[in-house]
PDB file of all heavy atoms in Angstrom:
ATOM      1  N   THR A   1     -18.822  71.628-161.274  1.00  0.00           N
ATOM      2  CA  THR A   1     -19.656  70.444-161.077  1.00  0.00           C
ATOM      3  C   THR A   1     -18.778  69.214-160.822  1.00  0.00           C
ATOM      4  O   THR A   1     -19.033  68.396-159.953  1.00  0.00           O
ATOM      5  CB  THR A   1     -20.602  70.216-162.217  1.00  0.00           C
ATOM      6  OG1 THR A   1     -21.468  71.345-162.461  1.00  0.00           O
ATOM      7  CG2 THR A   1     -21.453  68.985-161.967  1.00  0.00           C
ATOM      8  N   ASN A   2     -17.701  69.074-161.647  1.00  0.00           N
ATOM      9  CA  ASN A   2     -16.890  67.880-161.578  1.00  0.00           C
ATOM     10  C   ASN A   2     -15.866  67.979-160.410  1.00  0.00           C
ATOM     11  O   ASN A   2     -15.489  66.931-159.802  1.00  0.00           O
ATOM     12  CB  ASN A   2     -16.129  67.673-162.843  1.00  0.00           C
ATOM     13  CG  ASN A   2     -17.081  67.493-164.030  1.00  0.00           C
ATOM     14  OD1 ASN A   2     -18.158  66.913-163.872  1.00  0.00           O
ATOM     15  ND2 ASN A   2     -16.717  67.986-165.240  1.00  0.00           N
ATOM     16  N   ASP A   3     -15.378  69.186-160.097  1.00  0.00           N
ATOM     17  CA  ASP A   3     -14.354  69.298-159.053  1.00  0.00           C
ATOM     18  C   ASP A   3     -14.703  70.427-158.146  1.00  0.00           C
ATOM     19  O   ASP A   3     -14.041  71.513-158.210  1.00  0.00           O
ATOM     20  CB  ASP A   3     -12.982  69.468-159.690  1.00  0.00           C
ATOM     21  CG  ASP A   3     -11.835  69.276-158.661  1.00  0.00           C
ATOM     22  OD1 ASP A   3     -12.118  68.951-157.534  1.00  0.00           O
ATOM     23  OD2 ASP A   3     -10.679  69.521-159.051  1.00  0.00           O
ATOM     24  N   PRO A   4     -15.756  70.326-157.307  1.00  0.00           N
ATOM     25  CA  PRO A   4     -16.262  71.510-156.599  1.00  0.00           C
ATOM     26  C   PRO A   4     -15.333  71.918-155.450  1.00  0.00           C
ATOM     27  O   PRO A   4     -15.435  73.058-154.955  1.00  0.00           O
ATOM     28  CB  PRO A   4     -17.565  70.987-156.060  1.00  0.00           C
ATOM     29  CG  PRO A   4     -17.471  69.520-155.984  1.00  0.00           C
ATOM     30  CD  PRO A   4     -16.610  69.135-157.132  1.00  0.00           C
ATOM     31  N   LEU A   5     -14.473  71.001-154.884  1.00  0.00           N
ATOM     32  CA  LEU A   5     -13.646  71.285-153.755  1.00  0.00           C
ATOM     33  C   LEU A   5     -12.233  71.841-154.104  1.00  0.00           C
ATOM     34  O   LEU A   5     -11.454  72.053-153.207  1.00  0.00           O
ATOM     35  CB  LEU A   5     -13.515  70.132-152.873  1.00  0.00           C
ATOM     36  CG  LEU A   5     -14.788  69.527-152.253  1.00  0.00           C
ATOM     37  CD1 LEU A   5     -14.549  68.352-151.407  1.00  0.00           C
ATOM     38  CD2 LEU A   5     -15.590  70.564-151.524  1.00  0.00           C
ATOM     39  N   ARG A   6     -12.022  72.022-155.346  1.00  0.00           N
ATOM     40  CA  ARG A   6     -10.700  72.554-155.794  1.00  0.00           C
ATOM     41  C   ARG A   6     -10.623  74.065-155.442  1.00  0.00           C
ATOM     42  O   ARG A   6     -11.498  74.843-155.934  1.00  0.00           O
ATOM     43  CB  ARG A   6     -10.493  72.338-157.271  1.00  0.00           C
ATOM     44  CG  ARG A   6      -9.124  72.747-157.807  1.00  0.00           C
ATOM     45  CD  ARG A   6      -9.004  72.534-159.298  1.00  0.00           C
ATOM     46  NE  ARG A   6      -7.754  72.914-159.812  1.00  0.00           N
ATOM     47  CZ  ARG A   6      -6.731  72.106-159.874  1.00  0.00           C
ATOM     48  NH1 ARG A   6      -6.822  70.876-159.508  1.00  0.00           N
ATOM     49  NH2 ARG A   6      -5.527  72.555-160.366  1.00  0.00           N
ATOM     50  N   LEU A   7      -9.582  74.468-154.813  1.00  0.00           N
ATOM     51  CA  LEU A   7      -9.463  75.860-154.349  1.00  0.00           C
ATOM     52  C   LEU A   7      -8.985  76.808-155.479  1.00  0.00           C
ATOM     53  O   LEU A   7      -9.411  77.968-155.535  1.00  0.00           O
ATOM     54  CB  LEU A   7      -8.547  75.951-153.151  1.00  0.00           C
ATOM     55  CG  LEU A   7      -9.080  75.455-151.829  1.00  0.00           C
ATOM     56  CD1 LEU A   7      -8.048  75.595-150.698  1.00  0.00           C
ATOM     57  CD2 LEU A   7     -10.394  76.103-151.414  1.00  0.00           C
ATOM     58  N   ILE A   8      -8.114  76.308-156.336  1.00  0.00           N
ATOM     59  CA  ILE A   8      -7.586  77.122-157.412  1.00  0.00           C
ATOM     60  C   ILE A   8      -8.193  76.672-158.733  1.00  0.00           C
ATOM     61  O   ILE A   8      -7.954  75.522-159.137  1.00  0.00           O
ATOM     62  CB  ILE A   8      -6.065  77.070-157.446  1.00  0.00           C
ATOM     63  CG1 ILE A   8      -5.465  77.557-156.118  1.00  0.00           C
ATOM     64  CG2 ILE A   8      -5.514  77.941-158.587  1.00  0.00           C
ATOM     65  CD1 ILE A   8      -3.983  77.469-156.057  1.00  0.00           C
ATOM     66  N   PRO A   9      -8.993  77.486-159.439  1.00  0.00           N
ATOM     67  CA  PRO A   9      -9.623  77.025-160.659  1.00  0.00           C
ATOM     68  C   PRO A   9      -8.537  76.767-161.759  1.00  0.00           C
ATOM     69  O   PRO A   9      -7.503  77.452-161.821  1.00  0.00           O
ATOM     70  CB  PRO A   9     -10.505  78.218-161.087  1.00  0.00           C
ATOM     71  CG  PRO A   9     -10.666  79.000-159.808  1.00  0.00           C
ATOM     72  CD  PRO A   9      -9.414  78.877-158.999  1.00  0.00           C
ATOM     73  N   GLN A  10      -8.764  75.739-162.549  1.00  0.00           N
ATOM     74  CA  GLN A  10      -7.908  75.517-163.677  1.00  0.00           C
ATOM     75  C   GLN A  10      -8.035  76.578-164.721  1.00  0.00           C
ATOM     76  O   GLN A  10      -7.070  76.965-165.350  1.00  0.00           O
ATOM     77  CB  GLN A  10      -8.219  74.082-164.234  1.00  0.00           C
ATOM     78  CG  GLN A  10      -7.932  72.962-163.290  1.00  0.00           C
ATOM     79  CD  GLN A  10      -8.265  71.636-163.916  1.00  0.00           C
ATOM     80  OE1 GLN A  10      -8.901  71.534-164.964  1.00  0.00           O
ATOM     81  NE2 GLN A  10      -7.854  70.563-163.279  1.00  0.00           N
ATOM     82  N   ILE A  11      -9.275  77.011-164.906  1.00  0.00           N
ATOM     83  CA  ILE A  11      -9.532  78.063-165.947  1.00  0.00           C
ATOM     84  C   ILE A  11     -10.288  79.160-165.180  1.00  0.00           C
ATOM     85  O   ILE A  11     -11.417  78.970-164.750  1.00  0.00           O
ATOM     86  CB  ILE A  11     -10.317  77.539-167.103  1.00  0.00           C
ATOM     87  CG1 ILE A  11      -9.548  76.446-167.827  1.00  0.00           C
ATOM     88  CG2 ILE A  11     -10.596  78.722-168.110  1.00  0.00           C
ATOM     89  CD1 ILE A  11     -10.273  75.826-168.973  1.00  0.00           C
ATOM     90  N   TRP A  12      -9.674  80.340-165.123  1.00  0.00           N
ATOM     91  CA  TRP A  12     -10.381  81.511-164.475  1.00  0.00           C
ATOM     92  C   TRP A  12     -11.463  82.087-165.395  1.00  0.00           C
ATOM     93  O   TRP A  12     -11.148  82.468-166.530  1.00  0.00           O
ATOM     94  CB  TRP A  12      -9.368  82.589-164.063  1.00  0.00           C
ATOM     95  CG  TRP A  12      -8.457  82.073-162.948  1.00  0.00           C
ATOM     96  CD1 TRP A  12      -7.343  81.336-163.096  1.00  0.00           C
ATOM     97  CD2 TRP A  12      -8.603  82.342-161.533  1.00  0.00           C
ATOM     98  NE1 TRP A  12      -6.790  81.114-161.804  1.00  0.00           N
ATOM     99  CE2 TRP A  12      -7.499  81.784-160.860  1.00  0.00           C
ATOM    100  CE3 TRP A  12      -9.557  83.050-160.808  1.00  0.00           C
ATOM    101  CZ2 TRP A  12      -7.389  81.794-159.519  1.00  0.00           C
ATOM    102  CZ3 TRP A  12      -9.419  83.119-159.410  1.00  0.00           C
ATOM    103  CH2 TRP A  12      -8.351  82.497-158.755  1.00  0.00           C
ATOM    104  N   SER A  13     -12.652  82.128-164.882  1.00  0.00           N
ATOM    105  CA  SER A  13     -13.784  82.662-165.786  1.00  0.00           C
ATOM    106  C   SER A  13     -14.565  83.667-164.969  1.00  0.00           C
ATOM    107  O   SER A  13     -14.826  83.421-163.832  1.00  0.00           O
ATOM    108  CB  SER A  13     -14.662  81.473-166.149  1.00  0.00           C
ATOM    109  OG  SER A  13     -15.803  81.917-166.873  1.00  0.00           O
ATOM    110  N   PHE A  14     -14.863  84.762-165.689  1.00  0.00           N
ATOM    111  CA  PHE A  14     -15.682  85.861-165.151  1.00  0.00           C
ATOM    112  C   PHE A  14     -17.112  85.780-165.713  1.00  0.00           C
ATOM    113  O   PHE A  14     -17.883  86.818-165.573  1.00  0.00           O
ATOM    114  CB  PHE A  14     -15.066  87.197-165.391  1.00  0.00           C
ATOM    115  CG  PHE A  14     -13.771  87.366-164.633  1.00  0.00           C
ATOM    116  CD1 PHE A  14     -12.571  86.925-165.236  1.00  0.00           C
ATOM    117  CD2 PHE A  14     -13.703  87.916-163.361  1.00  0.00           C
ATOM    118  CE1 PHE A  14     -11.345  87.164-164.540  1.00  0.00           C
ATOM    119  CE2 PHE A  14     -12.549  88.048-162.670  1.00  0.00           C
ATOM    120  CZ  PHE A  14     -11.328  87.686-163.291  1.00  0.00           C
ATOM    121  N   ALA A  15     -17.504  84.752-166.366  1.00  0.00           N
ATOM    122  CA  ALA A  15     -18.798  84.660-167.043  1.00  0.00           C
ATOM    123  C   ALA A  15     -19.909  84.716-166.041  1.00  0.00           C
ATOM    124  O   ALA A  15     -20.947  85.287-166.328  1.00  0.00           O
ATOM    125  CB  ALA A  15     -18.894  83.363-167.892  1.00  0.00           C
ATOM    126  N   SER A  16     -19.719  84.139-164.858  1.00  0.00           N
ATOM    127  CA  SER A  16     -20.837  84.126-163.894  1.00  0.00           C
ATOM    128  C   SER A  16     -21.134  85.573-163.434  1.00  0.00           C
ATOM    129  O   SER A  16     -22.268  85.920-163.178  1.00  0.00           O
ATOM    130  CB  SER A  16     -20.430  83.234-162.684  1.00  0.00           C
ATOM    131  OG  SER A  16     -19.195  83.715-162.138  1.00  0.00           O
ATOM    132  N   PHE A  17     -20.075  86.384-163.224  1.00  0.00           N
ATOM    133  CA  PHE A  17     -20.278  87.757-162.797  1.00  0.00           C
ATOM    134  C   PHE A  17     -20.980  88.557-163.880  1.00  0.00           C
ATOM    135  O   PHE A  17     -21.761  89.499-163.659  1.00  0.00           O
ATOM    136  CB  PHE A  17     -18.954  88.372-162.384  1.00  0.00           C
ATOM    137  CG  PHE A  17     -18.372  87.867-161.139  1.00  0.00           C
ATOM    138  CD1 PHE A  17     -17.437  86.839-161.217  1.00  0.00           C
ATOM    139  CD2 PHE A  17     -18.730  88.351-159.898  1.00  0.00           C
ATOM    140  CE1 PHE A  17     -16.863  86.275-160.059  1.00  0.00           C
ATOM    141  CE2 PHE A  17     -18.194  87.788-158.749  1.00  0.00           C
ATOM    142  CZ  PHE A  17     -17.264  86.756-158.815  1.00  0.00           C
ATOM    143  N   GLU A  18     -20.612  88.272-165.150  1.00  0.00           N
ATOM    144  CA  GLU A  18     -21.245  89.006-166.248  1.00  0.00           C
ATOM    145  C   GLU A  18     -22.738  88.651-166.334  1.00  0.00           C
ATOM    146  O   GLU A  18     -23.604  89.489-166.643  1.00  0.00           O
ATOM    147  CB  GLU A  18     -20.558  88.678-167.552  1.00  0.00           C
ATOM    148  CG  GLU A  18     -19.081  89.170-167.607  1.00  0.00           C
ATOM    149  CD  GLU A  18     -18.363  88.697-168.927  1.00  0.00           C
ATOM    150  OE1 GLU A  18     -19.050  88.000-169.727  1.00  0.00           O
ATOM    151  OE2 GLU A  18     -17.211  89.022-169.112  1.00  0.00           O
ATOM    152  N   ARG A  19     -23.128  87.384-166.100  1.00  0.00           N
ATOM    153  CA  ARG A  19     -24.496  86.945-166.183  1.00  0.00           C
ATOM    154  C   ARG A  19     -25.289  87.579-165.093  1.00  0.00           C
ATOM    155  O   ARG A  19     -26.533  87.787-165.243  1.00  0.00           O
ATOM    156  CB  ARG A  19     -24.531  85.454-166.085  1.00  0.00           C
ATOM    157  CG  ARG A  19     -24.056  84.679-167.280  1.00  0.00           C
ATOM    158  CD  ARG A  19     -24.306  83.190-167.143  1.00  0.00           C
ATOM    159  NE  ARG A  19     -25.774  82.963-166.993  1.00  0.00           N
ATOM    160  CZ  ARG A  19     -26.302  81.811-166.608  1.00  0.00           C
ATOM    161  NH1 ARG A  19     -25.525  80.814-166.297  1.00  0.00           N
ATOM    162  NH2 ARG A  19     -27.581  81.672-166.469  1.00  0.00           N
ATOM    163  N   LEU A  20     -24.719  87.891-163.952  1.00  0.00           N
ATOM    164  CA  LEU A  20     -25.479  88.565-162.899  1.00  0.00           C
ATOM    165  C   LEU A  20     -26.002  89.849-163.257  1.00  0.00           C
ATOM    166  O   LEU A  20     -27.060  90.351-162.700  1.00  0.00           O
ATOM    167  CB  LEU A  20     -24.571  88.676-161.631  1.00  0.00           C
ATOM    168  CG  LEU A  20     -24.256  87.395-160.873  1.00  0.00           C
ATOM    169  CD1 LEU A  20     -23.300  87.676-159.715  1.00  0.00           C
ATOM    170  CD2 LEU A  20     -25.508  86.754-160.352  1.00  0.00           C
ATOM    171  N   PHE A  21     -25.353  90.557-164.230  1.00  0.00           N
ATOM    172  CA  PHE A  21     -25.804  91.911-164.662  1.00  0.00           C
ATOM    173  C   PHE A  21     -26.534  91.858-165.976  1.00  0.00           C
ATOM    174  O   PHE A  21     -26.936  92.925-166.482  1.00  0.00           O
ATOM    175  CB  PHE A  21     -24.606  92.850-164.734  1.00  0.00           C
ATOM    176  CG  PHE A  21     -23.972  93.124-163.357  1.00  0.00           C
ATOM    177  CD1 PHE A  21     -22.904  92.365-162.938  1.00  0.00           C
ATOM    178  CD2 PHE A  21     -24.398  94.126-162.618  1.00  0.00           C
ATOM    179  CE1 PHE A  21     -22.346  92.590-161.699  1.00  0.00           C
ATOM    180  CE2 PHE A  21     -23.857  94.384-161.385  1.00  0.00           C
ATOM    181  CZ  PHE A  21     -22.824  93.587-160.939  1.00  0.00           C
ATOM    182  N   THR A  22     -26.691  90.648-166.549  1.00  0.00           N
ATOM    183  CA  THR A  22     -27.401  90.575-167.860  1.00  0.00           C
ATOM    184  C   THR A  22     -28.590  89.670-167.706  1.00  0.00           C
ATOM    185  O   THR A  22     -29.744  90.051-168.102  1.00  0.00           O
ATOM    186  CB  THR A  22     -26.448  89.997-168.957  1.00  0.00           C
ATOM    187  OG1 THR A  22     -25.844  88.769-168.511  1.00  0.00           O
ATOM    188  CG2 THR A  22     -25.314  90.980-169.188  1.00  0.00           C
ATOM    189  N   ASP A  23     -28.417  88.453-167.154  1.00  0.00           N
ATOM    190  CA  ASP A  23     -29.561  87.502-167.099  1.00  0.00           C
ATOM    191  C   ASP A  23     -30.308  87.611-165.788  1.00  0.00           C
ATOM    192  O   ASP A  23     -31.409  87.075-165.648  1.00  0.00           O
ATOM    193  CB  ASP A  23     -29.023  86.008-167.236  1.00  0.00           C
ATOM    194  CG  ASP A  23     -28.372  85.754-168.604  1.00  0.00           C
ATOM    195  OD1 ASP A  23     -28.504  86.625-169.504  1.00  0.00           O
ATOM    196  OD2 ASP A  23     -27.578  84.828-168.709  1.00  0.00           O
ATOM    197  N   VAL A  24     -29.700  88.196-164.791  1.00  0.00           N
ATOM    198  CA  VAL A  24     -30.267  88.347-163.448  1.00  0.00           C
ATOM    199  C   VAL A  24     -30.484  89.800-163.062  1.00  0.00           C
ATOM    200  O   VAL A  24     -29.531  90.587-163.290  1.00  0.00           O
ATOM    201  CB  VAL A  24     -29.357  87.627-162.446  1.00  0.00           C
ATOM    202  CG1 VAL A  24     -29.980  87.717-161.010  1.00  0.00           C
ATOM    203  CG2 VAL A  24     -29.186  86.169-162.796  1.00  0.00           C
ATOM    204  N   PRO A  25     -31.591  90.134-162.515  1.00  0.00           N
ATOM    205  CA  PRO A  25     -31.809  91.569-162.139  1.00  0.00           C
ATOM    206  C   PRO A  25     -31.083  91.883-160.788  1.00  0.00           C
ATOM    207  O   PRO A  25     -31.699  92.371-159.810  1.00  0.00           O
ATOM    208  CB  PRO A  25     -33.332  91.642-161.984  1.00  0.00           C
ATOM    209  CG  PRO A  25     -33.769  90.305-161.616  1.00  0.00           C
ATOM    210  CD  PRO A  25     -32.830  89.306-162.337  1.00  0.00           C
ATOM    211  N   LEU A  26     -29.791  91.679-160.751  1.00  0.00           N
ATOM    212  CA  LEU A  26     -29.029  91.951-159.559  1.00  0.00           C
ATOM    213  C   LEU A  26     -29.061  93.390-159.145  1.00  0.00           C
ATOM    214  O   LEU A  26     -29.184  93.699-157.912  1.00  0.00           O
ATOM    215  CB  LEU A  26     -27.590  91.468-159.700  1.00  0.00           C
ATOM    216  CG  LEU A  26     -26.676  91.563-158.509  1.00  0.00           C
ATOM    217  CD1 LEU A  26     -27.126  90.576-157.437  1.00  0.00           C
ATOM    218  CD2 LEU A  26     -25.260  91.331-158.839  1.00  0.00           C
TER     219      LEU A  26
END
């Protein structure tokens, strides 16, 4: 949200991929 155009994340997180298989019926 604060830095959307940054190409290299400061902190690499896989939480969004985990949520796709838990909170979302992907």
